[in-house]
N, C-alpha and C. Protein backbone atom coordinates (compact mmCIF):
# COMPACT_ATOMS: atom_id res chain seq x y z
N MET A 1 125.15 161.96 112.97
CA MET A 1 125.04 160.97 114.03
C MET A 1 123.84 160.07 113.77
N ILE A 2 124.06 158.77 113.96
CA ILE A 2 123.01 157.79 113.73
C ILE A 2 122.57 157.24 115.07
N GLU A 3 121.27 157.15 115.29
CA GLU A 3 120.77 156.56 116.52
C GLU A 3 119.92 155.35 116.20
N GLY A 4 120.03 154.32 117.00
CA GLY A 4 119.19 153.15 116.84
C GLY A 4 118.81 152.63 118.20
N THR A 5 117.76 151.85 118.26
CA THR A 5 117.35 151.31 119.54
C THR A 5 117.23 149.79 119.44
N PHE A 6 117.40 149.13 120.55
CA PHE A 6 117.22 147.69 120.63
C PHE A 6 116.71 147.39 122.02
N ASP A 7 115.58 146.73 122.13
CA ASP A 7 114.99 146.37 123.41
C ASP A 7 114.66 147.59 124.26
N ALA A 8 114.51 148.73 123.67
CA ALA A 8 114.12 149.97 124.34
C ALA A 8 115.11 150.45 125.39
N ASN A 9 116.18 149.70 125.63
CA ASN A 9 117.16 150.10 126.65
C ASN A 9 118.54 150.36 126.09
N VAL A 10 118.78 149.98 124.83
CA VAL A 10 120.12 150.11 124.27
C VAL A 10 120.10 151.17 123.18
N TRP A 11 120.99 152.14 123.28
CA TRP A 11 121.08 153.21 122.28
C TRP A 11 122.44 153.14 121.62
N ILE A 12 122.44 153.13 120.29
CA ILE A 12 123.69 153.12 119.56
C ILE A 12 123.89 154.49 118.95
N ARG A 13 125.01 155.11 119.26
CA ARG A 13 125.33 156.40 118.66
C ARG A 13 126.65 156.27 117.92
N ARG A 14 126.66 156.62 116.64
CA ARG A 14 127.90 156.52 115.87
C ARG A 14 128.27 157.91 115.37
N ALA A 15 129.41 158.41 115.79
CA ALA A 15 129.86 159.74 115.38
C ALA A 15 130.68 159.63 114.09
N LEU A 16 131.04 160.77 113.52
CA LEU A 16 131.78 160.78 112.25
C LEU A 16 133.15 160.15 112.36
N ASP A 17 133.72 160.08 113.56
CA ASP A 17 135.05 159.48 113.72
C ASP A 17 134.99 157.97 113.90
N ASN A 18 133.84 157.38 113.58
CA ASN A 18 133.65 155.93 113.66
C ASN A 18 133.82 155.37 115.07
N THR A 19 133.53 156.18 116.05
CA THR A 19 133.48 155.69 117.43
C THR A 19 132.02 155.63 117.83
N ALA A 20 131.64 154.53 118.43
CA ALA A 20 130.25 154.37 118.84
C ALA A 20 130.17 154.28 120.36
N ASP A 21 129.24 155.00 120.93
CA ASP A 21 128.93 154.85 122.35
C ASP A 21 127.64 154.05 122.44
N ILE A 22 127.68 152.95 123.14
CA ILE A 22 126.48 152.15 123.33
C ILE A 22 126.13 152.26 124.81
N VAL A 23 124.98 152.82 125.08
CA VAL A 23 124.56 153.06 126.45
C VAL A 23 123.46 152.07 126.82
N VAL A 24 123.71 151.28 127.83
CA VAL A 24 122.69 150.38 128.34
C VAL A 24 122.02 151.07 129.51
N GLU A 25 120.82 151.57 129.29
CA GLU A 25 120.11 152.29 130.33
C GLU A 25 119.32 151.31 131.20
N GLU A 26 119.08 151.70 132.42
CA GLU A 26 118.36 150.86 133.38
C GLU A 26 118.99 149.49 133.48
N CYS A 27 120.32 149.47 133.45
CA CYS A 27 121.07 148.22 133.54
C CYS A 27 120.81 147.58 134.90
N PRO A 28 120.28 146.36 134.95
CA PRO A 28 119.95 145.76 136.25
C PRO A 28 121.18 145.58 137.13
N LEU A 29 122.34 145.30 136.52
CA LEU A 29 123.55 145.18 137.33
C LEU A 29 123.88 146.49 138.01
N CYS A 30 123.75 147.60 137.26
CA CYS A 30 124.07 148.90 137.84
C CYS A 30 123.05 149.30 138.90
N ASP A 31 121.78 148.97 138.66
CA ASP A 31 120.73 149.38 139.59
C ASP A 31 120.84 148.66 140.92
N GLU A 32 121.30 147.40 140.89
CA GLU A 32 121.29 146.60 142.10
C GLU A 32 122.58 146.69 142.91
N ILE A 33 123.64 147.20 142.31
CA ILE A 33 124.93 147.23 142.99
C ILE A 33 125.35 148.68 143.19
N SER A 34 125.44 149.11 144.44
CA SER A 34 125.81 150.50 144.69
C SER A 34 127.32 150.69 144.60
N ASN A 35 128.08 149.73 145.10
CA ASN A 35 129.54 149.79 144.98
C ASN A 35 129.91 148.96 143.76
N TYR A 36 129.90 149.58 142.60
CA TYR A 36 129.88 148.86 141.33
C TYR A 36 131.21 148.26 140.94
N ASP A 37 131.17 147.06 140.41
CA ASP A 37 132.35 146.35 139.95
C ASP A 37 132.40 146.42 138.42
N VAL A 38 133.45 147.03 137.88
CA VAL A 38 133.58 147.22 136.44
C VAL A 38 133.53 145.89 135.69
N ASN A 39 134.08 144.83 136.29
CA ASN A 39 134.10 143.54 135.61
C ASN A 39 132.69 143.01 135.33
N MET A 40 131.76 143.31 136.20
CA MET A 40 130.39 142.85 135.97
C MET A 40 129.78 143.55 134.77
N CYS A 41 130.13 144.81 134.59
CA CYS A 41 129.63 145.56 133.44
C CYS A 41 130.13 144.92 132.14
N GLN A 42 131.33 144.38 132.16
CA GLN A 42 131.91 143.80 130.96
C GLN A 42 131.20 142.53 130.53
N LEU A 43 130.36 141.96 131.38
CA LEU A 43 129.58 140.79 130.99
C LEU A 43 128.61 141.12 129.85
N LEU A 44 128.32 142.39 129.68
CA LEU A 44 127.37 142.80 128.64
C LEU A 44 128.03 142.95 127.27
N ILE A 45 129.35 142.79 127.18
CA ILE A 45 130.04 143.03 125.92
C ILE A 45 129.54 142.08 124.83
N GLY A 46 129.31 140.82 125.16
CA GLY A 46 128.82 139.87 124.16
C GLY A 46 127.48 140.30 123.59
N PHE A 47 126.59 140.76 124.47
CA PHE A 47 125.28 141.23 124.04
C PHE A 47 125.43 142.47 123.16
N ILE A 48 126.31 143.36 123.55
CA ILE A 48 126.52 144.59 122.80
C ILE A 48 127.10 144.29 121.42
N SER A 49 127.97 143.28 121.34
CA SER A 49 128.53 142.90 120.04
C SER A 49 127.42 142.48 119.08
N VAL A 50 126.42 141.78 119.59
CA VAL A 50 125.29 141.38 118.75
C VAL A 50 124.54 142.61 118.26
N VAL A 51 124.34 143.58 119.14
CA VAL A 51 123.63 144.80 118.77
C VAL A 51 124.38 145.55 117.68
N VAL A 52 125.71 145.64 117.82
CA VAL A 52 126.52 146.33 116.82
C VAL A 52 126.46 145.58 115.49
N GLU A 53 126.44 144.25 115.54
CA GLU A 53 126.30 143.47 114.30
C GLU A 53 124.97 143.78 113.63
N LEU A 54 123.92 143.96 114.42
CA LEU A 54 122.61 144.32 113.85
C LEU A 54 122.67 145.68 113.17
N ALA A 55 123.61 146.52 113.60
CA ALA A 55 123.76 147.84 112.98
C ALA A 55 124.62 147.78 111.72
N GLY A 56 125.08 146.57 111.35
CA GLY A 56 125.78 146.41 110.09
C GLY A 56 127.28 146.20 110.19
N TYR A 57 127.79 145.94 111.39
CA TYR A 57 129.22 145.71 111.56
C TYR A 57 129.44 144.23 111.88
N SER A 58 130.53 143.68 111.36
CA SER A 58 130.85 142.29 111.68
C SER A 58 131.69 142.25 112.95
N GLU A 59 131.76 141.07 113.56
CA GLU A 59 132.44 140.92 114.85
C GLU A 59 133.91 141.31 114.78
N ASP A 60 134.57 141.06 113.63
CA ASP A 60 135.99 141.38 113.54
C ASP A 60 136.25 142.87 113.31
N GLU A 61 135.21 143.66 113.15
CA GLU A 61 135.36 145.11 113.01
C GLU A 61 135.18 145.83 114.34
N ILE A 62 134.95 145.07 115.40
CA ILE A 62 134.61 145.66 116.69
C ILE A 62 135.73 145.39 117.69
N SER A 63 136.20 146.42 118.36
CA SER A 63 137.11 146.22 119.48
C SER A 63 136.74 147.22 120.57
N VAL A 64 136.63 146.72 121.77
CA VAL A 64 136.27 147.58 122.89
C VAL A 64 137.53 148.32 123.34
N ILE A 65 137.49 149.64 123.25
CA ILE A 65 138.67 150.42 123.62
C ILE A 65 138.52 151.08 124.99
N GLU A 66 137.30 151.17 125.48
CA GLU A 66 137.11 151.81 126.78
C GLU A 66 135.76 151.38 127.33
N THR A 67 135.71 151.12 128.62
CA THR A 67 134.46 150.79 129.28
C THR A 67 134.30 151.74 130.46
N GLU A 68 133.16 152.39 130.52
CA GLU A 68 132.88 153.31 131.63
C GLU A 68 131.59 152.86 132.30
N CYS A 69 131.68 152.54 133.57
CA CYS A 69 130.50 152.08 134.29
C CYS A 69 130.18 153.04 135.43
N ASN A 70 128.93 153.38 135.53
CA ASN A 70 128.50 154.31 136.57
C ASN A 70 127.29 153.74 137.29
N ALA A 71 127.30 153.83 138.59
CA ALA A 71 126.15 153.40 139.37
C ALA A 71 125.63 154.59 140.17
N ILE A 72 124.49 155.08 139.77
CA ILE A 72 123.82 156.16 140.48
C ILE A 72 122.53 155.58 141.02
N ILE A 73 122.23 155.82 142.27
CA ILE A 73 121.06 155.20 142.88
C ILE A 73 119.82 155.49 142.05
N GLY A 74 119.20 154.42 141.55
CA GLY A 74 117.99 154.56 140.74
C GLY A 74 118.24 154.94 139.29
N GLN A 75 119.50 155.23 138.93
CA GLN A 75 119.79 155.64 137.55
C GLN A 75 121.08 154.98 137.07
N GLY A 76 121.14 153.66 137.19
CA GLY A 76 122.34 152.96 136.77
C GLY A 76 122.45 152.90 135.26
N TYR A 77 123.67 153.01 134.75
CA TYR A 77 123.88 152.84 133.31
C TYR A 77 125.32 152.42 133.05
N CYS A 78 125.52 151.79 131.90
CA CYS A 78 126.86 151.39 131.49
C CYS A 78 127.12 152.01 130.12
N VAL A 79 128.31 152.53 129.92
CA VAL A 79 128.69 153.09 128.63
C VAL A 79 129.88 152.29 128.11
N PHE A 80 129.72 151.75 126.90
CA PHE A 80 130.82 151.05 126.24
C PHE A 80 131.25 151.91 125.06
N ARG A 81 132.51 152.32 125.04
CA ARG A 81 133.04 153.10 123.93
C ARG A 81 133.69 152.10 122.98
N ILE A 82 133.12 151.98 121.79
CA ILE A 82 133.49 150.92 120.85
C ILE A 82 134.22 151.52 119.66
N ASN A 83 135.31 150.89 119.26
CA ASN A 83 136.01 151.30 118.05
C ASN A 83 135.53 150.43 116.89
N LEU A 84 135.00 151.06 115.85
CA LEU A 84 134.50 150.35 114.68
C LEU A 84 135.44 150.64 113.51
N SER A 85 135.99 149.59 112.91
CA SER A 85 136.99 149.78 111.87
C SER A 85 136.40 149.97 110.48
N LYS A 86 135.10 150.00 110.38
CA LYS A 86 134.44 150.13 109.08
C LYS A 86 134.61 151.53 108.52
């Protein structure tokens, strides 16, 4: 498993099956909205694509296969499950 950080809030984890979980911790959208709207979480996909490119993947190798958003009071986070074709 490979771990990387970006802006101290984004963690990239890549497992052997070429699936990456990118966790945006302390997400301001999640922290401020208690009744969370999944569509707002998806606004971060463009930013996450840049982070994945920094990890060595090109944009055409990335497809979002699942988005999981959770809002816990004081502990908001968003998880993007990314399929990497590399």
